[in-house]
């Protein structure tokens, strides 16, 4: 379980390390381009959704508690990048199945 910290620790919440690794790529790429966007997070205690306006001017921390970097699902990153660039903004969605390279067997 990792932690996303936006600005201060008062604006932090726990996210699975695998999910957090994918979010980090999306957020890092958007902010590197100086693109601000909305990020919605469903609160784990069931208290609703919290929305953050992510901007390059606010410090962000990604704290990982696992010892290994997870495998990155490119399709999930692409889905989240498209969402972050869209009118509703970024939200954590279920991870899609990865496409596998299918090579025809030799005859």
PDB file of N, CA and C in Angstrom:
ATOM      1  N   UNK A   1       0.844  -1.174   0.000  1.00  0.00           N
ATOM      2  CA  UNK A   1       0.000   0.000   0.000  1.00  0.00           C
ATOM      3  C   UNK A   1       0.886   1.233   0.000  1.00  0.00           C
ATOM      4  N   UNK A   2       0.651   2.127  -0.935  1.00  0.00           N
ATOM      5  CA  UNK A   2       1.423   3.356  -1.030  1.00  0.00           C
ATOM      6  C   UNK A   2       0.584   4.543  -0.570  1.00  0.00           C
ATOM      7  N   UNK A   3       1.150   5.716  -0.721  1.00  0.00           N
ATOM      8  CA  UNK A   3       0.457   6.923  -0.291  1.00  0.00           C
ATOM      9  C   UNK A   3       0.684   8.033  -1.312  1.00  0.00           C
ATOM     10  N   UNK A   4      -0.409   8.714  -1.664  1.00  0.00           N
ATOM     11  CA  UNK A   4      -0.377   9.885  -2.533  1.00  0.00           C
ATOM     12  C   UNK A   4      -0.540  11.102  -1.633  1.00  0.00           C
ATOM     13  N   UNK A   5       0.391  12.039  -1.711  1.00  0.00           N
ATOM     14  CA  UNK A   5       0.360  13.233  -0.862  1.00  0.00           C
ATOM     15  C   UNK A   5       0.355  14.448  -1.783  1.00  0.00           C
ATOM     16  N   UNK A   6      -0.690  15.266  -1.662  1.00  0.00           N
ATOM     17  CA  UNK A   6      -0.826  16.453  -2.495  1.00  0.00           C
ATOM     18  C   UNK A   6      -0.725  17.688  -1.613  1.00  0.00           C
ATOM     19  N   UNK A   7       0.374  18.399  -1.744  1.00  0.00           N
ATOM     20  CA  UNK A   7       0.586  19.604  -0.934  1.00  0.00           C
ATOM     21  C   UNK A   7       1.038  19.242   0.466  1.00  0.00           C
ATOM     22  N   UNK A   8       0.092  18.984   1.361  1.00  0.00           N
ATOM     23  CA  UNK A   8       0.409  18.655   2.747  1.00  0.00           C
ATOM     24  C   UNK A   8      -0.100  17.255   3.083  1.00  0.00           C
ATOM     25  N   UNK A   9       0.344  16.733   4.201  1.00  0.00           N
ATOM     26  CA  UNK A   9      -0.103  15.388   4.597  1.00  0.00           C
ATOM     27  C   UNK A   9      -1.592  15.358   4.916  1.00  0.00           C
ATOM     28  N   UNK A  10      -2.204  16.520   5.115  1.00  0.00           N
ATOM     29  CA  UNK A  10      -3.656  16.564   5.322  1.00  0.00           C
ATOM     30  C   UNK A  10      -4.383  16.160   4.048  1.00  0.00           C
ATOM     31  N   UNK A  11      -3.739  16.331   2.914  1.00  0.00           N
ATOM     32  CA  UNK A  11      -4.292  15.942   1.615  1.00  0.00           C
ATOM     33  C   UNK A  11      -3.592  14.688   1.128  1.00  0.00           C
ATOM     34  N   UNK A  12      -3.719  13.609   1.882  1.00  0.00           N
ATOM     35  CA  UNK A  12      -3.071  12.369   1.479  1.00  0.00           C
ATOM     36  C   UNK A  12      -4.038  11.208   1.636  1.00  0.00           C
ATOM     37  N   UNK A  13      -3.785  10.171   0.874  1.00  0.00           N
ATOM     38  CA  UNK A  13      -4.601   8.968   1.005  1.00  0.00           C
ATOM     39  C   UNK A  13      -3.816   7.775   0.503  1.00  0.00           C
ATOM     40  N   UNK A  14      -4.213   6.609   0.973  1.00  0.00           N
ATOM     41  CA  UNK A  14      -3.529   5.366   0.632  1.00  0.00           C
ATOM     42  C   UNK A  14      -4.054   4.814  -0.687  1.00  0.00           C
ATOM     43  N   UNK A  15      -3.125   4.337  -1.496  1.00  0.00           N
ATOM     44  CA  UNK A  15      -3.438   3.707  -2.775  1.00  0.00           C
ATOM     45  C   UNK A  15      -2.511   2.513  -2.927  1.00  0.00           C
ATOM     46  N   UNK A  16      -3.036   1.446  -3.467  1.00  0.00           N
ATOM     47  CA  UNK A  16      -2.237   0.261  -3.755  1.00  0.00           C
ATOM     48  C   UNK A  16      -0.996   0.648  -4.557  1.00  0.00           C
ATOM     49  N   UNK A  17       0.168   0.076  -4.219  1.00  0.00           N
ATOM     50  CA  UNK A  17       1.428   0.413  -4.888  1.00  0.00           C
ATOM     51  C   UNK A  17       1.342   0.270  -6.410  1.00  0.00           C
ATOM     52  N   UNK A  18       0.698  -0.786  -6.883  1.00  0.00           N
ATOM     53  CA  UNK A  18       0.592  -1.014  -8.333  1.00  0.00           C
ATOM     54  C   UNK A  18      -0.194   0.113  -8.998  1.00  0.00           C
ATOM     55  N   UNK A  19      -1.319   0.458  -8.414  1.00  0.00           N
ATOM     56  CA  UNK A  19      -2.140   1.550  -8.939  1.00  0.00           C
ATOM     57  C   UNK A  19      -1.381   2.865  -8.862  1.00  0.00           C
ATOM     58  N   UNK A  20      -0.711   3.105  -7.734  1.00  0.00           N
ATOM     59  CA  UNK A  20       0.035   4.336  -7.531  1.00  0.00           C
ATOM     60  C   UNK A  20       1.159   4.483  -8.564  1.00  0.00           C
ATOM     61  N   UNK A  21       1.805   3.394  -8.920  1.00  0.00           N
ATOM     62  CA  UNK A  21       2.879   3.445  -9.923  1.00  0.00           C
ATOM     63  C   UNK A  21       2.333   3.912 -11.269  1.00  0.00           C
ATOM     64  N   UNK A  22       1.140   3.452 -11.621  1.00  0.00           N
ATOM     65  CA  UNK A  22       0.520   3.865 -12.881  1.00  0.00           C
ATOM     66  C   UNK A  22       0.069   5.329 -12.809  1.00  0.00           C
ATOM     67  N   UNK A  23      -0.511   5.717 -11.691  1.00  0.00           N
ATOM     68  CA  UNK A  23      -0.914   7.116 -11.510  1.00  0.00           C
ATOM     69  C   UNK A  23       0.297   8.045 -11.585  1.00  0.00           C
ATOM     70  N   UNK A  24       1.389   7.617 -11.005  1.00  0.00           N
ATOM     71  CA  UNK A  24       2.610   8.435 -11.008  1.00  0.00           C
ATOM     72  C   UNK A  24       3.046   8.752 -12.433  1.00  0.00           C
ATOM     73  N   UNK A  25       3.001   7.768 -13.312  1.00  0.00           N
ATOM     74  CA  UNK A  25       3.399   7.984 -14.705  1.00  0.00           C
ATOM     75  C   UNK A  25       2.476   9.004 -15.372  1.00  0.00           C
ATOM     76  N   UNK A  26       1.177   8.832 -15.176  1.00  0.00           N
ATOM     77  CA  UNK A  26       0.206   9.736 -15.793  1.00  0.00           C
ATOM     78  C   UNK A  26       0.368  11.152 -15.253  1.00  0.00           C
ATOM     79  N   UNK A  27       0.394  11.286 -13.939  1.00  0.00           N
ATOM     80  CA  UNK A  27       0.490  12.612 -13.315  1.00  0.00           C
ATOM     81  C   UNK A  27       1.806  13.281 -13.674  1.00  0.00           C
ATOM     82  N   UNK A  28       2.886  12.538 -13.632  1.00  0.00           N
ATOM     83  CA  UNK A  28       4.204  13.083 -13.960  1.00  0.00           C
ATOM     84  C   UNK A  28       4.222  13.621 -15.394  1.00  0.00           C
ATOM     85  N   UNK A  29       3.654  12.867 -16.329  1.00  0.00           N
ATOM     86  CA  UNK A  29       3.649  13.297 -17.727  1.00  0.00           C
ATOM     87  C   UNK A  29       2.771  14.516 -17.954  1.00  0.00           C
ATOM     88  N   UNK A  30       1.613  14.568 -17.318  1.00  0.00           N
ATOM     89  CA  UNK A  30       0.738  15.737 -17.469  1.00  0.00           C
ATOM     90  C   UNK A  30       1.402  16.988 -16.891  1.00  0.00           C
ATOM     91  N   UNK A  31       1.957  16.881 -15.698  1.00  0.00           N
ATOM     92  CA  UNK A  31       2.539  18.050 -15.052  1.00  0.00           C
ATOM     93  C   UNK A  31       3.846  18.479 -15.714  1.00  0.00           C
ATOM     94  N   UNK A  32       4.569  17.536 -16.278  1.00  0.00           N
ATOM     95  CA  UNK A  32       5.801  17.879 -17.001  1.00  0.00           C
ATOM     96  C   UNK A  32       5.486  18.771 -18.197  1.00  0.00           C
ATOM     97  N   UNK A  33       4.289  18.596 -18.753  1.00  0.00           N
ATOM     98  CA  UNK A  33       3.835  19.419 -19.881  1.00  0.00           C
ATOM     99  C   UNK A  33       3.141  20.701 -19.405  1.00  0.00           C
ATOM    100  N   UNK A  34       3.165  20.928 -18.091  1.00  0.00           N
ATOM    101  CA  UNK A  34       2.490  22.082 -17.465  1.00  0.00           C
ATOM    102  C   UNK A  34       0.986  22.059 -17.706  1.00  0.00           C
ATOM    103  N   UNK A  35       0.409  20.853 -17.730  1.00  0.00           N
ATOM    104  CA  UNK A  35      -1.033  20.691 -17.908  1.00  0.00           C
ATOM    105  C   UNK A  35      -1.679  20.401 -16.568  1.00  0.00           C
ATOM    106  N   UNK A  36      -2.541  21.290 -16.117  1.00  0.00           N
ATOM    107  CA  UNK A  36      -3.313  21.071 -14.896  1.00  0.00           C
ATOM    108  C   UNK A  36      -4.542  20.245 -15.256  1.00  0.00           C
ATOM    109  N   UNK A  37      -5.066  19.495 -14.276  1.00  0.00           N
ATOM    110  CA  UNK A  37      -6.235  18.657 -14.538  1.00  0.00           C
ATOM    111  C   UNK A  37      -6.869  18.224 -13.216  1.00  0.00           C
ATOM    112  N   UNK A  38      -8.101  17.720 -13.311  1.00  0.00           N
ATOM    113  CA  UNK A  38      -8.844  17.250 -12.146  1.00  0.00           C
ATOM    114  C   UNK A  38      -8.514  15.775 -11.902  1.00  0.00           C
ATOM    115  N   UNK A  39      -8.401  15.411 -10.624  1.00  0.00           N
ATOM    116  CA  UNK A  39      -8.154  14.029 -10.223  1.00  0.00           C
ATOM    117  C   UNK A  39      -9.164  13.681  -9.141  1.00  0.00           C
ATOM    118  N   UNK A  40     -10.059  12.735  -9.425  1.00  0.00           N
ATOM    119  CA  UNK A  40     -11.082  12.294  -8.484  1.00  0.00           C
ATOM    120  C   UNK A  40     -10.670  10.983  -7.836  1.00  0.00           C
ATOM    121  N   UNK A  41     -10.847  10.918  -6.518  1.00  0.00           N
ATOM    122  CA  UNK A  41     -10.491   9.717  -5.762  1.00  0.00           C
ATOM    123  C   UNK A  41     -11.662   9.324  -4.876  1.00  0.00           C
ATOM    124  N   UNK A  42     -12.101   8.070  -5.009  1.00  0.00           N
ATOM    125  CA  UNK A  42     -13.133   7.540  -4.116  1.00  0.00           C
ATOM    126  C   UNK A  42     -12.469   7.251  -2.777  1.00  0.00           C
ATOM    127  N   UNK A  43     -13.020   7.777  -1.709  1.00  0.00           N
ATOM    128  CA  UNK A  43     -12.438   7.610  -0.386  1.00  0.00           C
ATOM    129  C   UNK A  43     -12.678   6.181   0.118  1.00  0.00           C
ATOM    130  N   UNK A  44     -11.644   5.590   0.695  1.00  0.00           N
ATOM    131  CA  UNK A  44     -11.703   4.195   1.135  1.00  0.00           C
ATOM    132  C   UNK A  44     -12.680   3.971   2.289  1.00  0.00           C
ATOM    133  N   UNK A  45     -13.022   5.037   3.021  1.00  0.00           N
ATOM    134  CA  UNK A  45     -13.951   4.880   4.136  1.00  0.00           C
ATOM    135  C   UNK A  45     -15.411   5.016   3.703  1.00  0.00           C
ATOM    136  N   UNK A  46     -15.624   5.148   2.377  1.00  0.00           N
ATOM    137  CA  UNK A  46     -16.982   5.240   1.855  1.00  0.00           C
ATOM    138  C   UNK A  46     -17.610   6.615   2.004  1.00  0.00           C
ATOM    139  N   UNK A  47     -16.817   7.616   2.341  1.00  0.00           N
ATOM    140  CA  UNK A  47     -17.360   8.957   2.589  1.00  0.00           C
ATOM    141  C   UNK A  47     -17.550   9.780   1.316  1.00  0.00           C
ATOM    142  N   UNK A  48     -17.396   9.170   0.161  1.00  0.00           N
ATOM    143  CA  UNK A  48     -17.625   9.882  -1.088  1.00  0.00           C
ATOM    144  C   UNK A  48     -16.383   9.999  -1.933  1.00  0.00           C
ATOM    145  N   UNK A  49     -16.376  11.014  -2.766  1.00  0.00           N
ATOM    146  CA  UNK A  49     -15.276  11.246  -3.698  1.00  0.00           C
ATOM    147  C   UNK A  49     -14.616  12.568  -3.356  1.00  0.00           C
ATOM    148  N   UNK A  50     -13.305  12.578  -3.424  1.00  0.00           N
ATOM    149  CA  UNK A  50     -12.529  13.797  -3.202  1.00  0.00           C
ATOM    150  C   UNK A  50     -11.917  14.200  -4.535  1.00  0.00           C
ATOM    151  N   UNK A  51     -12.048  15.458  -4.894  1.00  0.00           N
ATOM    152  CA  UNK A  51     -11.502  15.966  -6.146  1.00  0.00           C
ATOM    153  C   UNK A  51     -10.326  16.884  -5.863  1.00  0.00           C
ATOM    154  N   UNK A  52      -9.259  16.687  -6.624  1.00  0.00           N
ATOM    155  CA  UNK A  52      -8.059  17.510  -6.501  1.00  0.00           C
ATOM    156  C   UNK A  52      -7.793  18.170  -7.849  1.00  0.00           C
ATOM    157  N   UNK A  53      -7.514  19.471  -7.846  1.00  0.00           N
ATOM    158  CA  UNK A  53      -7.060  20.148  -9.051  1.00  0.00           C
ATOM    159  C   UNK A  53      -5.546  20.054  -9.027  1.00  0.00           C
ATOM    160  N   UNK A  54      -4.992  19.201  -9.889  1.00  0.00           N
ATOM    161  CA  UNK A  54      -3.551  18.989  -9.903  1.00  0.00           C
ATOM    162  C   UNK A  54      -2.890  20.040 -10.793  1.00  0.00           C
ATOM    163  N   UNK A  55      -1.924  20.692 -10.223  1.00  0.00           N
ATOM    164  CA  UNK A  55      -1.226  21.788 -10.885  1.00  0.00           C
ATOM    165  C   UNK A  55       0.264  21.652 -10.631  1.00  0.00           C
ATOM    166  N   UNK A  56       1.089  22.050 -11.596  1.00  0.00           N
ATOM    167  CA  UNK A  56       2.536  21.970 -11.400  1.00  0.00           C
ATOM    168  C   UNK A  56       3.042  22.802 -10.221  1.00  0.00           C
ATOM    169  N   UNK A  57       2.251  23.745  -9.744  1.00  0.00           N
ATOM    170  CA  UNK A  57       2.710  24.625  -8.665  1.00  0.00           C
ATOM    171  C   UNK A  57       2.533  24.026  -7.267  1.00  0.00           C
ATOM    172  N   UNK A  58       1.879  22.889  -7.160  1.00  0.00           N
ATOM    173  CA  UNK A  58       1.648  22.265  -5.845  1.00  0.00           C
ATOM    174  C   UNK A  58       2.522  21.017  -5.733  1.00  0.00           C
ATOM    175  N   UNK A  59       3.283  20.881  -4.630  1.00  0.00           N
ATOM    176  CA  UNK A  59       4.140  19.699  -4.479  1.00  0.00           C
ATOM    177  C   UNK A  59       3.320  18.409  -4.324  1.00  0.00           C
ATOM    178  N   UNK A  60       3.816  17.375  -4.966  1.00  0.00           N
ATOM    179  CA  UNK A  60       3.176  16.056  -4.918  1.00  0.00           C
ATOM    180  C   UNK A  60       4.228  15.042  -4.496  1.00  0.00           C
ATOM    181  N   UNK A  61       3.797  14.098  -3.656  1.00  0.00           N
ATOM    182  CA  UNK A  61       4.685  13.005  -3.265  1.00  0.00           C
ATOM    183  C   UNK A  61       3.985  11.678  -3.537  1.00  0.00           C
ATOM    184  N   UNK A  62       4.760  10.713  -3.969  1.00  0.00           N
ATOM    185  CA  UNK A  62       4.294   9.341  -4.152  1.00  0.00           C
ATOM    186  C   UNK A  62       5.144   8.489  -3.231  1.00  0.00           C
ATOM    187  N   UNK A  63       4.545   7.939  -2.213  1.00  0.00           N
ATOM    188  CA  UNK A  63       5.299   7.139  -1.255  1.00  0.00           C
ATOM    189  C   UNK A  63       4.918   5.675  -1.441  1.00  0.00           C
ATOM    190  N   UNK A  64       5.921   4.871  -1.789  1.00  0.00           N
ATOM    191  CA  UNK A  64       5.705   3.445  -2.011  1.00  0.00           C
ATOM    192  C   UNK A  64       6.249   2.668  -0.817  1.00  0.00           C
ATOM    193  N   UNK A  65       5.492   1.681  -0.375  1.00  0.00           N
ATOM    194  CA  UNK A  65       5.933   0.871   0.756  1.00  0.00           C
ATOM    195  C   UNK A  65       6.458  -0.482   0.325  1.00  0.00           C
ATOM    196  N   UNK A  66       6.147  -0.886  -0.914  1.00  0.00           N
ATOM    197  CA  UNK A  66       6.663  -2.151  -1.427  1.00  0.00           C
ATOM    198  C   UNK A  66       8.121  -2.003  -1.822  1.00  0.00           C
ATOM    199  N   UNK A  67       8.831  -3.111  -1.881  1.00  0.00           N
ATOM    200  CA  UNK A  67      10.263  -3.065  -2.189  1.00  0.00           C
ATOM    201  C   UNK A  67      10.561  -3.248  -3.675  1.00  0.00           C
ATOM    202  N   UNK A  68       9.569  -3.649  -4.463  1.00  0.00           N
ATOM    203  CA  UNK A  68       9.808  -3.884  -5.889  1.00  0.00           C
ATOM    204  C   UNK A  68       8.898  -2.990  -6.730  1.00  0.00           C
ATOM    205  N   UNK A  69       9.432  -2.553  -7.857  1.00  0.00           N
ATOM    206  CA  UNK A  69       8.626  -1.778  -8.796  1.00  0.00           C
ATOM    207  C   UNK A  69       7.688  -2.722  -9.533  1.00  0.00           C
ATOM    208  N   UNK A  70       6.406  -2.377  -9.613  1.00  0.00           N
ATOM    209  CA  UNK A  70       5.472  -3.265 -10.308  1.00  0.00           C
ATOM    210  C   UNK A  70       5.628  -3.188 -11.823  1.00  0.00           C
ATOM    211  N   UNK A  71       5.212  -4.236 -12.499  1.00  0.00           N
ATOM    212  CA  UNK A  71       5.165  -4.253 -13.960  1.00  0.00           C
ATOM    213  C   UNK A  71       4.135  -3.214 -14.399  1.00  0.00           C
ATOM    214  N   UNK A  72       4.446  -2.431 -15.406  1.00  0.00           N
ATOM    215  CA  UNK A  72       3.547  -1.384 -15.873  1.00  0.00           C
ATOM    216  C   UNK A  72       2.702  -1.898 -17.033  1.00  0.00           C
ATOM    217  N   UNK A  73       1.396  -1.705 -16.910  1.00  0.00           N
ATOM    218  CA  UNK A  73       0.436  -2.068 -17.938  1.00  0.00           C
ATOM    219  C   UNK A  73       0.237  -0.834 -18.826  1.00  0.00           C
ATOM    220  N   UNK A  74       0.809  -0.873 -20.006  1.00  0.00           N
ATOM    221  CA  UNK A  74       0.776   0.278 -20.922  1.00  0.00           C
ATOM    222  C   UNK A  74      -0.660   0.697 -21.260  1.00  0.00           C
ATOM    223  N   UNK A  75      -1.537  -0.272 -21.438  1.00  0.00           N
ATOM    224  CA  UNK A  75      -2.932   0.040 -21.777  1.00  0.00           C
ATOM    225  C   UNK A  75      -3.615   0.829 -20.660  1.00  0.00           C
ATOM    226  N   UNK A  76      -3.321   0.490 -19.421  1.00  0.00           N
ATOM    227  CA  UNK A  76      -3.906   1.195 -18.285  1.00  0.00           C
ATOM    228  C   UNK A  76      -3.394   2.639 -18.252  1.00  0.00           C
ATOM    229  N   UNK A  77      -2.099   2.820 -18.477  1.00  0.00           N
ATOM    230  CA  UNK A  77      -1.526   4.170 -18.514  1.00  0.00           C
ATOM    231  C   UNK A  77      -2.189   4.977 -19.625  1.00  0.00           C
ATOM    232  N   UNK A  78      -2.350   4.386 -20.798  1.00  0.00           N
ATOM    233  CA  UNK A  78      -2.962   5.102 -21.923  1.00  0.00           C
ATOM    234  C   UNK A  78      -4.410   5.473 -21.629  1.00  0.00           C
ATOM    235  N   UNK A  79      -5.158   4.567 -20.994  1.00  0.00           N
ATOM    236  CA  UNK A  79      -6.547   4.869 -20.606  1.00  0.00           C
ATOM    237  C   UNK A  79      -6.601   6.040 -19.634  1.00  0.00           C
ATOM    238  N   UNK A  80      -5.723   6.016 -18.635  1.00  0.00           N
ATOM    239  CA  UNK A  80      -5.726   7.085 -17.635  1.00  0.00           C
ATOM    240  C   UNK A  80      -5.239   8.404 -18.226  1.00  0.00           C
ATOM    241  N   UNK A  81      -4.283   8.357 -19.158  1.00  0.00           N
ATOM    242  CA  UNK A  81      -3.828   9.583 -19.825  1.00  0.00           C
ATOM    243  C   UNK A  81      -4.974  10.211 -20.610  1.00  0.00           C
ATOM    244  N   UNK A  82      -5.733   9.384 -21.309  1.00  0.00           N
ATOM    245  CA  UNK A  82      -6.872   9.896 -22.082  1.00  0.00           C
ATOM    246  C   UNK A  82      -7.913  10.510 -21.144  1.00  0.00           C
ATOM    247  N   UNK A  83      -8.177   9.848 -20.026  1.00  0.00           N
ATOM    248  CA  UNK A  83      -9.145  10.377 -19.064  1.00  0.00           C
ATOM    249  C   UNK A  83      -8.668  11.703 -18.478  1.00  0.00           C
ATOM    250  N   UNK A  84      -7.383  11.779 -18.114  1.00  0.00           N
ATOM    251  CA  UNK A  84      -6.828  13.003 -17.525  1.00  0.00           C
ATOM    252  C   UNK A  84      -6.916  14.172 -18.495  1.00  0.00           C
ATOM    253  N   UNK A  85      -6.881  13.895 -19.788  1.00  0.00           N
ATOM    254  CA  UNK A  85      -6.964  14.940 -20.803  1.00  0.00           C
ATOM    255  C   UNK A  85      -8.405  15.258 -21.195  1.00  0.00           C
ATOM    256  N   UNK A  86      -9.350  14.464 -20.706  1.00  0.00           N
ATOM    257  CA  UNK A  86     -10.748  14.645 -21.067  1.00  0.00           C
ATOM    258  C   UNK A  86     -11.488  15.578 -20.122  1.00  0.00           C
ATOM    259  N   UNK A  87     -12.756  15.817 -20.393  1.00  0.00           N
ATOM    260  CA  UNK A  87     -13.543  16.775 -19.607  1.00  0.00           C
ATOM    261  C   UNK A  87     -13.822  16.345 -18.165  1.00  0.00           C
ATOM    262  N   UNK A  88     -13.828  15.060 -17.873  1.00  0.00           N
ATOM    263  CA  UNK A  88     -14.102  14.594 -16.509  1.00  0.00           C
ATOM    264  C   UNK A  88     -12.846  14.487 -15.664  1.00  0.00           C
ATOM    265  N   UNK A  89     -11.687  14.423 -16.290  1.00  0.00           N
ATOM    266  CA  UNK A  89     -10.437  14.313 -15.557  1.00  0.00           C
ATOM    267  C   UNK A  89     -10.080  12.882 -15.214  1.00  0.00           C
ATOM    268  N   UNK A  90      -9.029  12.748 -14.436  1.00  0.00           N
ATOM    269  CA  UNK A  90      -8.470  11.453 -14.064  1.00  0.00           C
ATOM    270  C   UNK A  90      -9.216  10.848 -12.886  1.00  0.00           C
ATOM    271  N   UNK A  91      -9.467   9.563 -12.965  1.00  0.00           N
ATOM    272  CA  UNK A  91     -10.033   8.794 -11.863  1.00  0.00           C
ATOM    273  C   UNK A  91      -9.393   7.409 -11.915  1.00  0.00           C
ATOM    274  N   UNK A  92      -9.335   6.758 -10.784  1.00  0.00           N
ATOM    275  CA  UNK A  92      -8.779   5.403 -10.741  1.00  0.00           C
ATOM    276  C   UNK A  92      -9.826   4.450 -11.300  1.00  0.00           C
ATOM    277  N   UNK A  93      -9.442   3.722 -12.330  1.00  0.00           N
ATOM    278  CA  UNK A  93     -10.333   2.763 -12.965  1.00  0.00           C
ATOM    279  C   UNK A  93      -9.742   1.367 -12.815  1.00  0.00           C
ATOM    280  N   UNK A  94     -10.565   0.343 -12.996  1.00  0.00           N
ATOM    281  CA  UNK A  94     -10.022  -1.018 -12.914  1.00  0.00           C
ATOM    282  C   UNK A  94      -8.970  -1.241 -13.999  1.00  0.00           C
ATOM    283  N   UNK A  95      -7.967  -2.017 -13.659  1.00  0.00           N
ATOM    284  CA  UNK A  95      -6.898  -2.302 -14.615  1.00  0.00           C
ATOM    285  C   UNK A  95      -7.409  -3.200 -15.724  1.00  0.00           C
ATOM    286  N   UNK A  96      -7.199  -2.789 -16.996  1.00  0.00           N
ATOM    287  CA  UNK A  96      -7.611  -3.659 -18.099  1.00  0.00           C
ATOM    288  C   UNK A  96      -6.638  -4.808 -18.280  1.00  0.00           C
ATOM    289  N   UNK A  97      -7.101  -5.852 -18.902  1.00  0.00           N
ATOM    290  CA  UNK A  97      -6.212  -6.967 -19.227  1.00  0.00           C
ATOM    291  C   UNK A  97      -5.208  -6.481 -20.256  1.00  0.00           C
ATOM    292  N   UNK A  98      -3.995  -6.921 -20.117  1.00  0.00           N
ATOM    293  CA  UNK A  98      -2.960  -6.537 -21.069  1.00  0.00           C
ATOM    294  C   UNK A  98      -3.111  -7.330 -22.352  1.00  0.00           C
ATOM    295  N   UNK A  99      -2.896  -6.654 -23.472  1.00  0.00           N
ATOM    296  CA  UNK A  99      -2.872  -7.347 -24.745  1.00  0.00           C
ATOM    297  C   UNK A  99      -1.594  -8.165 -24.812  1.00  0.00           C
ATOM    298  N   UNK A 100      -1.683  -9.326 -25.306  1.00  0.00           N
ATOM    299  CA  UNK A 100      -0.481 -10.154 -25.444  1.00  0.00           C
ATOM    300  C   UNK A 100      -0.095 -10.211 -26.917  1.00  0.00           C
ATOM    301  N   UNK A 101       1.165 -10.253 -27.154  1.00  0.00           N
ATOM    302  CA  UNK A 101       1.656 -10.381 -28.525  1.00  0.00           C
ATOM    303  C   UNK A 101       1.426 -11.824 -28.952  1.00  0.00           C
ATOM    304  N   UNK A 102       0.661 -11.978 -29.997  1.00  0.00           N
ATOM    305  CA  UNK A 102       0.377 -13.334 -30.501  1.00  0.00           C
ATOM    306  C   UNK A 102       1.145 -13.506 -31.800  1.00  0.00           C
ATOM    307  N   UNK A 103       2.046 -14.426 -31.785  1.00  0.00           N
ATOM    308  CA  UNK A 103       2.841 -14.709 -32.972  1.00  0.00           C
ATOM    309  C   UNK A 103       2.333 -16.039 -33.556  1.00  0.00           C
ATOM    310  N   UNK A 104       2.068 -16.028 -34.846  1.00  0.00           N
ATOM    311  CA  UNK A 104       1.605 -17.292 -35.427  1.00  0.00           C
ATOM    312  C   UNK A 104       2.680 -18.379 -35.307  1.00  0.00           C
ATOM    313  N   UNK A 105       2.229 -19.576 -35.065  1.00  0.00           N
ATOM    314  CA  UNK A 105       3.188 -20.669 -34.945  1.00  0.00           C
ATOM    315  C   UNK A 105       3.734 -21.027 -36.324  1.00  0.00           C
ATOM    316  N   UNK A 106       4.997 -21.404 -36.379  1.00  0.00           N
ATOM    317  CA  UNK A 106       5.578 -21.773 -37.683  1.00  0.00           C
ATOM    318  C   UNK A 106       4.921 -23.038 -38.231  1.00  0.00           C
ATOM    319  N   UNK A 107       4.765 -23.065 -39.539  1.00  0.00           N
ATOM    320  CA  UNK A 107       4.131 -24.241 -40.166  1.00  0.00           C
ATOM    321  C   UNK A 107       5.143 -25.246 -40.594  1.00  0.00           C
TER     322      UNK A 107
END
